């Protein structure tokens, strides 16, 4: 009897709970895996799936629907997917890929779907935004008017960048492309710019080197690292879009953001790999026909917003790799036509020890000249032309040609300028020191100095400028202007430093 009484009470309680519960009919949108391999999965079923819809597999792995036809759905995995095999269940989520955004991401290393990769706690952003977003319209944008300083004299003086610009960094393998991007990130410790670094198809050692350099020399607490896992080509494919979404969060709040995309050549190769595996029709160099749109819709999201929209900016520095200096290849020409200029790194200059190995003849900035810091602009008006003329004149001296005194002076002046443009990695210069060095060259103060002593003079100026002229150094760094009186004081300091330089180089 006791058992029957307990059973009766249990049935009564269950009925009461069912009466209170809100039970609604539901439809499970599911399918089955028919084939899997190389980060690509083919699914039968899922008739209501849409392109770019997020798929969830029975082991919890996420995927993305990339092709839809009568045979089923072709998707890419956003993780390794070790627990997935033919016959595994797949569920359509009805959602699109999103990434967490917000202040909580600063200083973190995350995957493109927001998973922590730095052994830290779970990433919880203020919200989750779509990785694919429309670019701001023309009426929502403003003119690019503020400089973005890299700390590299050759760039800030000859190929200046503006906040909201898209500037391509291009060159052969191992010529210092990533180093320029790292130096630019490090230099933002002197500004209010928030940096987002996207590693696309990079080796783990390269990513670790970037993170370590920013931690050692820069402001890592204002930097976000988005890393696409090397064993998941689908995750690498959405990495630049996720990183752009994170940077857009800060731009849309009226702040300034810098996005480094390292690199888009590998991104195009990953997209070609996935497209061919999913049987998309190949085009030139086996790339699918929409590969231009792949990068255009990404880089168009970089912009300077109007004051009505907060006045924030997103500057993009995509990186591209060339083969034997061939800038006419498919992907390089695509990216050159999309961006607002390029910084070309030449292997010959790199191996000659001229670092950064920027070829100023091919490099160009179609926007930044209007935003260049006034203190540098007054000194660098003819700098690029003078440097190009020097390079042409120097060719004749290599063949032992006789030169007159005027030509010899131009060559000596150009060699001092080249020495000033040479910098070591991870040591971007403040604007005040760049202005002082350019002033010394422009006024011919270094023309009679032995070439091997120029680096020592630069080191001396780096120490004595903030110590002896702190007001002038602070004013140049903050206002980017140089008055006539301050110019005289800087020239006097340069004269005092010549002949008393340290052996240390920077």
Protein backbone atom coordinates (compact mmCIF):
# COMPACT_ATOMS: atom_id res chain seq x y z
CA UNK A 1 0.00 0.00 0.00
CA UNK A 2 2.82 2.41 0.85
CA UNK A 3 4.33 1.89 -2.61
CA UNK A 4 0.98 2.51 -4.32
CA UNK A 5 0.47 5.68 -2.27
CA UNK A 6 3.92 6.98 -3.24
CA UNK A 7 3.29 6.17 -6.89
CA UNK A 8 -0.05 7.95 -6.79
CA UNK A 9 1.49 11.07 -5.25
CA UNK A 10 4.28 11.04 -7.89
CA UNK A 11 1.73 10.80 -10.73
CA UNK A 12 -0.32 13.62 -9.21
CA UNK A 13 2.77 15.85 -8.88
CA UNK A 14 3.85 15.08 -12.45
CA UNK A 15 0.43 15.99 -13.80
CA UNK A 16 0.49 19.23 -11.83
CA UNK A 17 3.90 20.14 -13.28
CA UNK A 18 2.74 19.33 -16.79
CA UNK A 19 -0.33 21.51 -16.32
CA UNK A 20 1.87 24.46 -15.32
CA UNK A 21 4.54 23.88 -17.98
CA UNK A 22 4.35 25.75 -21.27
CA UNK A 23 4.64 23.04 -23.88
CA UNK A 24 4.86 24.17 -27.50
CA UNK A 25 5.41 22.14 -30.66
CA UNK A 26 8.88 22.39 -32.24
CA UNK A 27 10.57 21.36 -35.46
CA UNK A 28 14.10 19.93 -35.43
CA UNK A 29 16.04 21.05 -38.53
CA UNK A 30 18.61 18.28 -38.95
CA UNK A 31 20.60 16.28 -41.49
CA UNK A 32 23.40 13.73 -41.78
CA UNK A 33 27.06 13.97 -42.78
CA UNK A 34 27.73 12.08 -46.02
CA UNK A 35 31.44 12.89 -46.41
CA UNK A 36 34.12 14.78 -44.48
CA UNK A 37 37.76 15.64 -45.09
CA UNK A 38 40.28 18.53 -45.30
CA UNK A 39 38.06 20.80 -43.22
CA UNK A 40 35.11 20.41 -45.61
CA UNK A 41 31.90 18.51 -44.91
CA UNK A 42 29.03 17.39 -47.19
CA UNK A 43 25.61 17.10 -45.60
CA UNK A 44 22.41 15.46 -46.82
CA UNK A 45 19.17 16.98 -45.62
CA UNK A 46 18.84 20.47 -44.11
CA UNK A 47 16.50 21.63 -46.90
CA UNK A 48 15.85 25.01 -45.27
CA UNK A 49 19.50 25.93 -44.73
CA UNK A 50 20.68 29.28 -46.10
CA UNK A 51 24.12 30.40 -47.22
CA UNK A 52 26.50 31.33 -44.38
CA UNK A 53 24.18 29.74 -41.83
CA UNK A 54 25.88 28.35 -38.74
CA UNK A 55 25.68 24.55 -38.48
CA UNK A 56 26.14 22.54 -35.31
CA UNK A 57 27.38 18.95 -35.34
CA UNK A 58 26.55 16.36 -32.73
CA UNK A 59 29.96 16.69 -31.02
CA UNK A 60 29.45 20.44 -30.57
CA UNK A 61 31.69 21.53 -33.46
CA UNK A 62 30.46 24.51 -35.46
CA UNK A 63 30.47 24.81 -39.23
CA UNK A 64 29.36 27.24 -41.89
CA UNK A 65 27.17 26.51 -44.92
CA UNK A 66 29.16 27.58 -47.98
CA UNK A 67 27.37 25.94 -50.92
CA UNK A 68 23.79 24.72 -51.39
CA UNK A 69 22.57 22.59 -54.29
CA UNK A 70 20.24 19.69 -55.03
CA UNK A 71 22.72 17.18 -53.60
CA UNK A 72 22.73 18.87 -50.20
CA UNK A 73 24.79 21.38 -48.28
CA UNK A 74 28.55 21.90 -48.50
CA UNK A 75 30.05 23.39 -45.37
CA UNK A 76 33.38 24.28 -43.78
CA UNK A 77 34.33 23.37 -40.23
CA UNK A 78 35.30 26.11 -37.79
CA UNK A 79 37.30 23.66 -35.66
CA UNK A 80 39.19 20.42 -36.20
CA UNK A 81 36.09 18.23 -35.89
CA UNK A 82 37.77 15.05 -34.67
CA UNK A 83 34.46 13.63 -33.43
CA UNK A 84 32.66 14.00 -36.76
CA UNK A 85 32.31 11.12 -39.21
CA UNK A 86 29.98 10.00 -41.98
CA UNK A 87 26.52 9.55 -40.50
CA UNK A 88 26.96 12.16 -37.76
CA UNK A 89 23.94 14.35 -37.12
CA UNK A 90 23.95 18.01 -38.14
CA UNK A 91 21.55 20.68 -36.97
CA UNK A 92 20.76 24.00 -38.61
CA UNK A 93 20.84 26.85 -36.11
CA UNK A 94 19.20 29.55 -38.20
CA UNK A 95 21.99 31.87 -37.01
CA UNK A 96 25.04 33.41 -38.67
CA UNK A 97 28.60 33.39 -37.36
CA UNK A 98 29.16 35.94 -34.59
CA UNK A 99 32.12 37.03 -32.49
CA UNK A 100 32.15 38.68 -29.04
CA UNK A 101 33.12 42.36 -29.02
CA UNK A 102 33.89 44.84 -26.29
CA UNK A 103 36.52 46.07 -23.85
CA UNK A 104 36.85 42.58 -22.33
CA UNK A 105 38.77 41.42 -25.43
CA UNK A 106 41.66 43.87 -24.98
CA UNK A 107 44.90 42.05 -24.24
CA UNK A 108 43.41 38.68 -25.18
CA UNK A 109 44.26 36.05 -27.82
CA UNK A 110 41.08 34.54 -29.25
CA UNK A 111 39.83 32.41 -32.13
CA UNK A 112 37.53 33.93 -34.79
CA UNK A 113 34.50 32.54 -32.94
CA UNK A 114 35.60 33.99 -29.61
CA UNK A 115 37.24 30.99 -27.95
CA UNK A 116 40.22 31.87 -25.70
CA UNK A 117 43.64 30.76 -27.00
CA UNK A 118 45.75 32.30 -24.23
CA UNK A 119 44.86 29.96 -21.35
CA UNK A 120 42.71 32.73 -19.91
CA UNK A 121 39.08 32.66 -18.81
CA UNK A 122 36.18 32.41 -21.20
CA UNK A 123 35.80 35.51 -23.35
CA UNK A 124 32.59 37.32 -22.49
CA UNK A 125 32.12 40.45 -24.59
CA UNK A 126 29.47 43.13 -24.24
CA UNK A 127 27.62 41.52 -27.15
CA UNK A 128 28.15 39.23 -30.13
CA UNK A 129 28.19 40.90 -33.55
CA UNK A 130 28.07 39.21 -36.99
CA UNK A 131 31.47 38.59 -38.58
CA UNK A 132 30.03 39.81 -41.90
CA UNK A 133 28.68 43.36 -41.78
CA UNK A 134 27.93 45.95 -44.47
CA UNK A 135 30.46 48.73 -45.00
CA UNK A 136 29.49 52.29 -43.99
CA UNK A 137 27.74 54.23 -46.74
CA UNK A 138 29.26 57.25 -48.45
CA UNK A 139 27.07 59.71 -46.51
CA UNK A 140 28.20 58.12 -43.23
CA UNK A 141 31.89 58.73 -43.97
CA UNK A 142 34.12 61.76 -43.58
CA UNK A 143 37.40 62.91 -45.12
CA UNK A 144 40.58 61.30 -43.82
CA UNK A 145 42.22 64.21 -41.99
CA UNK A 146 44.15 62.80 -39.02
CA UNK A 147 47.59 61.21 -39.31
CA UNK A 148 48.33 57.67 -38.18
CA UNK A 149 51.99 57.65 -37.17
CA UNK A 150 53.94 54.42 -37.60
CA UNK A 151 57.15 55.54 -35.91
CA UNK A 152 59.05 54.61 -39.09
CA UNK A 153 60.65 57.71 -40.61
CA UNK A 154 60.62 56.37 -44.16
CA UNK A 155 56.84 55.83 -43.93
CA UNK A 156 55.80 58.89 -41.94
CA UNK A 157 57.93 61.21 -44.10
CA UNK A 158 57.44 59.73 -47.59
CA UNK A 159 54.35 57.46 -47.50
CA UNK A 160 52.22 58.99 -44.72
CA UNK A 161 49.10 57.26 -43.48
CA UNK A 162 45.79 58.69 -42.29
CA UNK A 163 43.23 57.35 -39.85
CA UNK A 164 40.58 55.59 -41.91
CA UNK A 165 42.94 54.69 -44.75
CA UNK A 166 43.57 51.25 -46.30
CA UNK A 167 47.29 50.84 -47.01
CA UNK A 168 48.69 47.61 -48.46
CA UNK A 169 52.03 46.26 -47.22
CA UNK A 170 53.41 44.11 -50.02
CA UNK A 171 56.65 42.32 -50.80
CA UNK A 172 58.37 38.98 -51.12
CA UNK A 173 58.61 36.47 -48.31
CA UNK A 174 60.94 37.41 -45.43
CA UNK A 175 61.38 41.08 -46.33
CA UNK A 176 59.93 42.59 -43.14
CA UNK A 177 56.22 43.02 -43.93
CA UNK A 178 55.01 41.79 -40.56
CA UNK A 179 57.74 43.79 -38.81
CA UNK A 180 56.36 47.05 -40.24
CA UNK A 181 52.91 46.09 -38.94
CA UNK A 182 54.32 45.22 -35.51
CA UNK A 183 56.24 48.51 -35.31
CA UNK A 184 53.04 50.37 -36.17
CA UNK A 185 51.19 48.55 -33.36
CA UNK A 186 54.00 49.28 -30.91
CA UNK A 187 54.01 52.98 -31.84
CA UNK A 188 50.33 53.27 -30.89
CA UNK A 189 51.33 53.13 -27.23
CA UNK A 190 51.91 56.88 -27.76
CA UNK A 191 48.38 57.38 -29.16
CA UNK A 192 44.76 56.52 -28.42
CA UNK A 193 44.49 53.94 -31.24
CA UNK A 194 43.30 50.43 -30.36
CA UNK A 195 44.94 47.67 -32.42
CA UNK A 196 43.53 44.36 -33.70
CA UNK A 197 45.95 41.83 -35.21
CA UNK A 198 44.51 39.04 -37.37
CA UNK A 199 46.79 36.04 -38.03
CA UNK A 200 45.63 34.21 -41.16
CA UNK A 201 47.47 31.03 -42.04
CA UNK A 202 50.50 32.05 -39.98
CA UNK A 203 52.83 29.61 -38.23
CA UNK A 204 52.43 29.34 -34.47
CA UNK A 205 56.01 30.60 -34.02
CA UNK A 206 55.26 33.73 -36.06
CA UNK A 207 52.14 34.48 -34.04
CA UNK A 208 54.04 33.93 -30.79
CA UNK A 209 56.77 36.34 -31.96
CA UNK A 210 54.20 39.04 -32.73
CA UNK A 211 52.46 38.66 -29.38
CA UNK A 212 55.76 38.66 -27.49
CA UNK A 213 56.98 41.79 -29.32
CA UNK A 214 53.80 43.71 -28.49
CA UNK A 215 53.92 42.55 -24.87
CA UNK A 216 57.58 43.60 -24.55
CA UNK A 217 57.57 46.90 -26.43
CA UNK A 218 53.96 48.02 -26.93
CA UNK A 219 50.64 48.47 -25.15
CA UNK A 220 49.29 44.92 -25.10
CA UNK A 221 46.36 46.02 -22.93
CA UNK A 222 45.01 47.93 -25.96
CA UNK A 223 45.56 45.15 -28.49
CA UNK A 224 43.41 42.18 -29.52
CA UNK A 225 44.91 39.14 -31.26
CA UNK A 226 42.59 37.06 -33.45
CA UNK A 227 44.23 33.80 -34.55
CA UNK A 228 42.77 31.32 -37.01
CA UNK A 229 43.71 27.74 -35.97
CA UNK A 230 46.03 26.17 -38.54
CA UNK A 231 44.09 22.88 -38.52
CA UNK A 232 40.78 24.53 -39.44
CA UNK A 233 40.80 26.30 -42.82
CA UNK A 234 37.19 27.40 -42.30
CA UNK A 235 38.18 29.30 -39.16
CA UNK A 236 41.09 30.91 -41.01
CA UNK A 237 38.69 31.99 -43.74
CA UNK A 238 36.47 33.99 -41.34
CA UNK A 239 39.40 35.30 -39.24
CA UNK A 240 39.79 38.67 -41.04
CA UNK A 241 36.04 39.30 -40.95
CA UNK A 242 35.85 38.52 -37.22
CA UNK A 243 38.85 40.78 -36.51
CA UNK A 244 37.24 43.57 -38.53
CA UNK A 245 34.02 43.24 -36.52
CA UNK A 246 35.98 43.58 -33.27
CA UNK A 247 37.74 46.70 -34.58
CA UNK A 248 34.44 48.16 -35.82
CA UNK A 249 33.05 48.03 -32.28
CA UNK A 250 35.61 50.60 -31.17
CA UNK A 251 35.23 52.69 -34.35
CA UNK A 252 31.47 52.87 -33.94
CA UNK A 253 31.90 54.21 -30.40
CA UNK A 254 33.89 57.19 -31.68
CA UNK A 255 37.31 55.67 -30.98
CA UNK A 256 40.16 54.96 -33.40
CA UNK A 257 41.17 51.41 -34.37
CA UNK A 258 43.98 49.85 -36.41
CA UNK A 259 43.43 46.49 -38.13
CA UNK A 260 46.39 44.38 -39.28
CA UNK A 261 45.51 41.56 -41.71
CA UNK A 262 48.45 39.14 -41.91
CA UNK A 263 48.11 38.11 -44.63
CA UNK A 264 45.46 38.25 -47.37
CA UNK A 265 47.48 36.23 -49.88
CA UNK A 266 47.16 33.20 -47.61
CA UNK A 267 43.52 34.09 -47.06
CA UNK A 268 42.87 33.90 -50.81
CA UNK A 269 44.72 30.57 -51.00
CA UNK A 270 42.60 29.16 -48.16
CA UNK A 271 39.43 30.33 -49.93
CA UNK A 272 40.60 28.72 -53.18
CA UNK A 273 41.28 25.46 -51.35
CA UNK A 274 37.83 25.40 -49.77
CA UNK A 275 36.12 26.40 -53.02
CA UNK A 276 37.81 23.68 -55.06
CA UNK A 277 36.97 21.05 -52.45
CA UNK A 278 33.34 22.16 -52.60
CA UNK A 279 33.35 21.99 -56.43
CA UNK A 280 32.96 25.71 -57.07
CA UNK A 281 33.93 26.57 -60.67
CA UNK A 282 37.56 27.75 -60.87
CA UNK A 283 38.72 30.85 -62.76
CA UNK A 284 42.05 32.57 -63.21
CA UNK A 285 44.86 30.74 -61.34
CA UNK A 286 42.11 28.35 -60.11
CA UNK A 287 40.65 31.05 -57.85
CA UNK A 288 36.85 31.26 -57.84
CA UNK A 289 35.34 34.21 -59.65
CA UNK A 290 34.30 36.04 -56.47
CA UNK A 291 37.79 36.25 -54.95
CA UNK A 292 37.92 40.01 -55.67
CA UNK A 293 34.64 40.50 -53.81
CA UNK A 294 36.08 38.39 -50.99
CA UNK A 295 38.58 41.14 -50.12
CA UNK A 296 36.65 44.17 -51.42
CA UNK A 297 33.76 43.65 -49.01
CA UNK A 298 36.27 43.28 -46.18
CA UNK A 299 38.47 46.31 -46.83
CA UNK A 300 35.53 48.60 -47.64
CA UNK A 301 34.62 48.34 -43.97
CA UNK A 302 37.67 50.45 -43.07
CA UNK A 303 36.54 54.07 -42.94
CA UNK A 304 36.60 57.41 -41.16
CA UNK A 305 33.09 58.08 -39.88
CA UNK A 306 31.46 61.50 -39.97
CA UNK A 307 30.98 63.53 -36.81
CA UNK A 308 27.26 62.73 -36.87
CA UNK A 309 28.23 59.02 -36.55
CA UNK A 310 30.75 59.54 -33.77
CA UNK A 311 33.84 60.49 -35.75
CA UNK A 312 35.63 57.18 -35.15
CA UNK A 313 38.00 55.59 -37.63
CA UNK A 314 39.16 52.14 -38.69
CA UNK A 315 42.50 51.99 -40.48
CA UNK A 316 43.36 48.74 -42.30
CA UNK A 317 46.89 47.56 -43.06
CA UNK A 318 46.48 44.38 -45.13
CA UNK A 319 49.62 42.40 -45.95
CA UNK A 320 50.20 40.60 -49.25
CA UNK A 321 53.05 38.38 -50.43
CA UNK A 322 54.57 38.49 -53.91
CA UNK A 323 56.58 35.85 -55.75
CA UNK A 324 59.94 37.14 -57.02
CA UNK A 325 58.64 40.71 -56.85
CA UNK A 326 55.77 40.05 -59.26
CA UNK A 327 53.22 42.71 -58.36
CA UNK A 328 51.15 41.93 -61.47
CA UNK A 329 49.94 38.57 -60.14
CA UNK A 330 46.21 38.08 -59.60
CA UNK A 331 45.85 38.65 -55.85
CA UNK A 332 48.41 41.52 -55.57
CA UNK A 333 46.74 43.47 -58.38
CA UNK A 334 43.34 42.90 -56.80
CA UNK A 335 44.51 44.26 -53.46
CA UNK A 336 46.37 47.21 -55.02
CA UNK A 337 43.17 48.25 -56.79
CA UNK A 338 41.11 47.94 -53.60
CA UNK A 339 43.44 49.85 -51.24
CA UNK A 340 44.50 53.51 -51.06
CA UNK A 341 48.19 52.87 -51.69
CA UNK A 342 50.96 50.40 -51.00
CA UNK A 343 54.24 50.10 -49.14
CA UNK A 344 56.48 47.90 -51.27
CA UNK A 345 59.38 46.07 -49.61
CA UNK A 346 62.21 45.16 -51.97
CA UNK A 347 64.36 42.05 -51.30
CA UNK A 348 67.47 43.72 -52.73
CA UNK A 349 67.29 46.55 -50.19
CA UNK A 350 66.62 44.06 -47.40
CA UNK A 351 69.69 41.98 -48.15
CA UNK A 352 71.80 45.14 -48.46
CA UNK A 353 70.89 45.95 -44.85
CA UNK A 354 68.52 48.84 -45.59
CA UNK A 355 65.73 48.11 -43.12
CA UNK A 356 62.84 48.84 -43.43
CA UNK A 357 63.46 47.79 -47.04
CA UNK A 358 60.90 50.22 -48.49
CA UNK A 359 61.20 51.04 -52.18
CA UNK A 360 60.04 54.67 -52.11
CA UNK A 361 59.77 54.79 -55.90
CA UNK A 362 57.04 52.15 -56.13
CA UNK A 363 55.42 52.87 -52.76
CA UNK A 364 52.65 55.46 -52.68
CA UNK A 365 49.97 56.80 -50.36
CA UNK A 366 46.95 58.22 -52.17
CA UNK A 367 45.37 59.67 -49.03
CA UNK A 368 47.93 60.26 -46.31
CA UNK A 369 49.65 63.27 -47.90
CA UNK A 370 46.69 65.40 -46.87
CA UNK A 371 46.95 64.15 -43.28
CA UNK A 372 50.72 64.25 -42.81
CA UNK A 373 51.90 65.84 -39.57
CA UNK A 374 52.65 69.51 -40.32
CA UNK A 375 56.02 69.36 -38.57
CA UNK A 376 57.18 66.63 -40.97
CA UNK A 377 55.39 67.99 -44.03
CA UNK A 378 57.40 71.22 -44.02
CA UNK A 379 60.63 69.19 -44.00
CA UNK A 380 59.63 66.37 -46.36
CA UNK A 381 58.07 68.29 -49.26
CA UNK A 382 60.94 67.46 -51.63
CA UNK A 383 62.37 64.56 -49.64
CA UNK A 384 61.02 61.77 -51.85
CA UNK A 385 62.24 63.48 -55.04
CA UNK A 386 65.70 64.20 -53.58
CA UNK A 387 66.01 60.60 -52.42
CA UNK A 388 64.98 59.22 -55.83
CA UNK A 389 67.53 61.48 -57.55
CA UNK A 390 70.24 60.32 -55.17
CA UNK A 391 69.49 56.66 -55.93
CA UNK A 392 69.87 57.32 -59.65
CA UNK A 393 73.13 59.24 -59.18
CA UNK A 394 74.56 56.56 -56.94
CA UNK A 395 74.25 54.00 -59.72
CA UNK A 396 76.87 55.85 -61.77
CA UNK A 397 79.41 55.85 -58.92
CA UNK A 398 79.20 52.06 -58.69
CA UNK A 399 80.76 51.84 -62.15
CA UNK A 400 83.62 54.11 -61.19
CA UNK A 401 82.32 57.09 -63.15
CA UNK A 402 83.91 60.49 -62.45
CA UNK A 403 81.55 62.95 -60.78
CA UNK A 404 81.82 66.69 -60.22
CA UNK A 405 81.74 68.36 -56.80
CA UNK A 406 78.03 69.21 -57.00
CA UNK A 407 77.08 65.60 -57.78
CA UNK A 408 79.42 64.32 -55.07
CA UNK A 409 77.71 66.59 -52.52
CA UNK A 410 74.29 65.30 -53.58
CA UNK A 411 75.44 61.71 -53.20
CA UNK A 412 76.95 62.42 -49.77
CA UNK A 413 73.71 64.14 -48.70
CA UNK A 414 71.62 61.21 -49.98
CA UNK A 415 73.73 58.66 -48.10
CA UNK A 416 73.16 60.56 -44.84
CA UNK A 417 69.46 60.61 -45.56
CA UNK A 418 69.46 56.87 -46.19
CA UNK A 419 71.28 56.32 -42.90
CA UNK A 420 68.61 58.35 -41.09
CA UNK A 421 65.83 56.26 -42.67
CA UNK A 422 67.39 53.02 -41.43
CA UNK A 423 65.82 51.69 -38.20
CA UNK A 424 65.98 48.53 -36.14
CA UNK A 425 62.87 46.46 -35.54
CA UNK A 426 60.57 47.08 -32.59
CA UNK A 427 62.00 50.59 -32.06
CA UNK A 428 59.59 53.12 -33.63
CA UNK A 429 60.64 56.72 -33.11
CA UNK A 430 58.53 59.46 -31.52
CA UNK A 431 57.48 62.26 -33.84
CA UNK A 432 59.76 64.78 -32.13
CA UNK A 433 62.86 62.70 -32.84
CA UNK A 434 61.82 62.10 -36.46
CA UNK A 435 61.39 65.85 -36.97
CA UNK A 436 64.80 66.54 -35.42
CA UNK A 437 66.55 64.00 -37.64
CA UNK A 438 64.82 65.25 -40.79
CA UNK A 439 65.71 68.83 -39.83
CA UNK A 440 69.36 67.85 -39.46
CA UNK A 441 69.36 66.30 -42.93
CA UNK A 442 67.35 69.07 -44.59
CA UNK A 443 69.71 71.76 -43.25
CA UNK A 444 72.80 69.80 -44.32
CA UNK A 445 74.11 69.48 -40.77
CA UNK A 446 75.16 65.85 -41.34
CA UNK A 447 76.73 66.25 -44.80
CA UNK A 448 80.25 66.65 -43.38
CA UNK A 449 79.83 64.00 -40.69
CA UNK A 450 81.49 60.63 -41.43
CA UNK A 451 78.83 58.16 -42.50
CA UNK A 452 79.65 55.67 -39.76
CA UNK A 453 79.00 58.33 -37.10
CA UNK A 454 75.45 59.18 -38.18
CA UNK A 455 73.92 56.37 -36.12
CA UNK A 456 75.79 57.59 -33.05
CA UNK A 457 74.47 61.12 -33.52
CA UNK A 458 70.96 59.74 -33.82
CA UNK A 459 71.42 57.89 -30.53
CA UNK A 460 72.73 61.04 -28.87
CA UNK A 461 69.76 63.07 -30.08
CA UNK A 462 67.36 60.40 -28.81
CA UNK A 463 68.80 60.83 -25.29
CA UNK A 464 69.38 64.58 -25.18
CA UNK A 465 66.23 65.83 -26.92
CA UNK A 466 63.75 64.87 -24.14
CA UNK A 467 66.32 65.81 -21.48
CA UNK A 468 67.41 69.24 -22.75
CA UNK A 469 64.31 70.36 -24.71
CA UNK A 470 61.37 68.61 -23.01
CA UNK A 471 58.87 71.37 -23.82
CA UNK A 472 59.68 71.35 -27.54
CA UNK A 473 59.65 67.53 -27.71
CA UNK A 474 56.26 67.37 -25.95
CA UNK A 475 54.78 70.11 -28.14
CA UNK A 476 55.85 68.40 -31.37
CA UNK A 477 54.54 65.04 -30.19
CA UNK A 478 51.18 66.49 -29.13
CA UNK A 479 50.47 69.20 -31.72
CA UNK A 480 52.63 67.90 -34.63
CA UNK A 481 53.77 71.46 -35.36
CA UNK A 482 57.19 73.15 -35.38
CA UNK A 483 57.58 76.90 -34.83
CA UNK A 484 60.50 78.98 -36.10
CA UNK A 485 61.83 79.51 -32.56
CA UNK A 486 61.69 75.79 -31.81
CA UNK A 487 63.44 75.10 -35.10
CA UNK A 488 66.37 77.30 -34.00
CA UNK A 489 66.60 75.51 -30.66
CA UNK A 490 66.58 72.11 -32.38
CA UNK A 491 69.35 73.18 -34.77
CA UNK A 492 71.43 74.35 -31.81
CA UNK A 493 70.93 70.97 -30.13
CA UNK A 494 71.94 69.18 -33.34
CA UNK A 495 75.14 71.25 -33.55
CA UNK A 496 75.98 70.40 -29.94
CA UNK A 497 75.42 66.68 -30.56
CA UNK A 498 77.63 66.49 -33.64
CA UNK A 499 81.04 65.29 -32.53
CA UNK A 500 79.82 64.06 -29.14
CA UNK A 501 77.62 61.15 -30.28
CA UNK A 502 77.38 57.85 -28.45
CA UNK A 503 78.42 54.59 -30.02
CA UNK A 504 75.02 53.12 -29.23
CA UNK A 505 72.64 52.79 -32.19
CA UNK A 506 68.86 52.83 -32.21
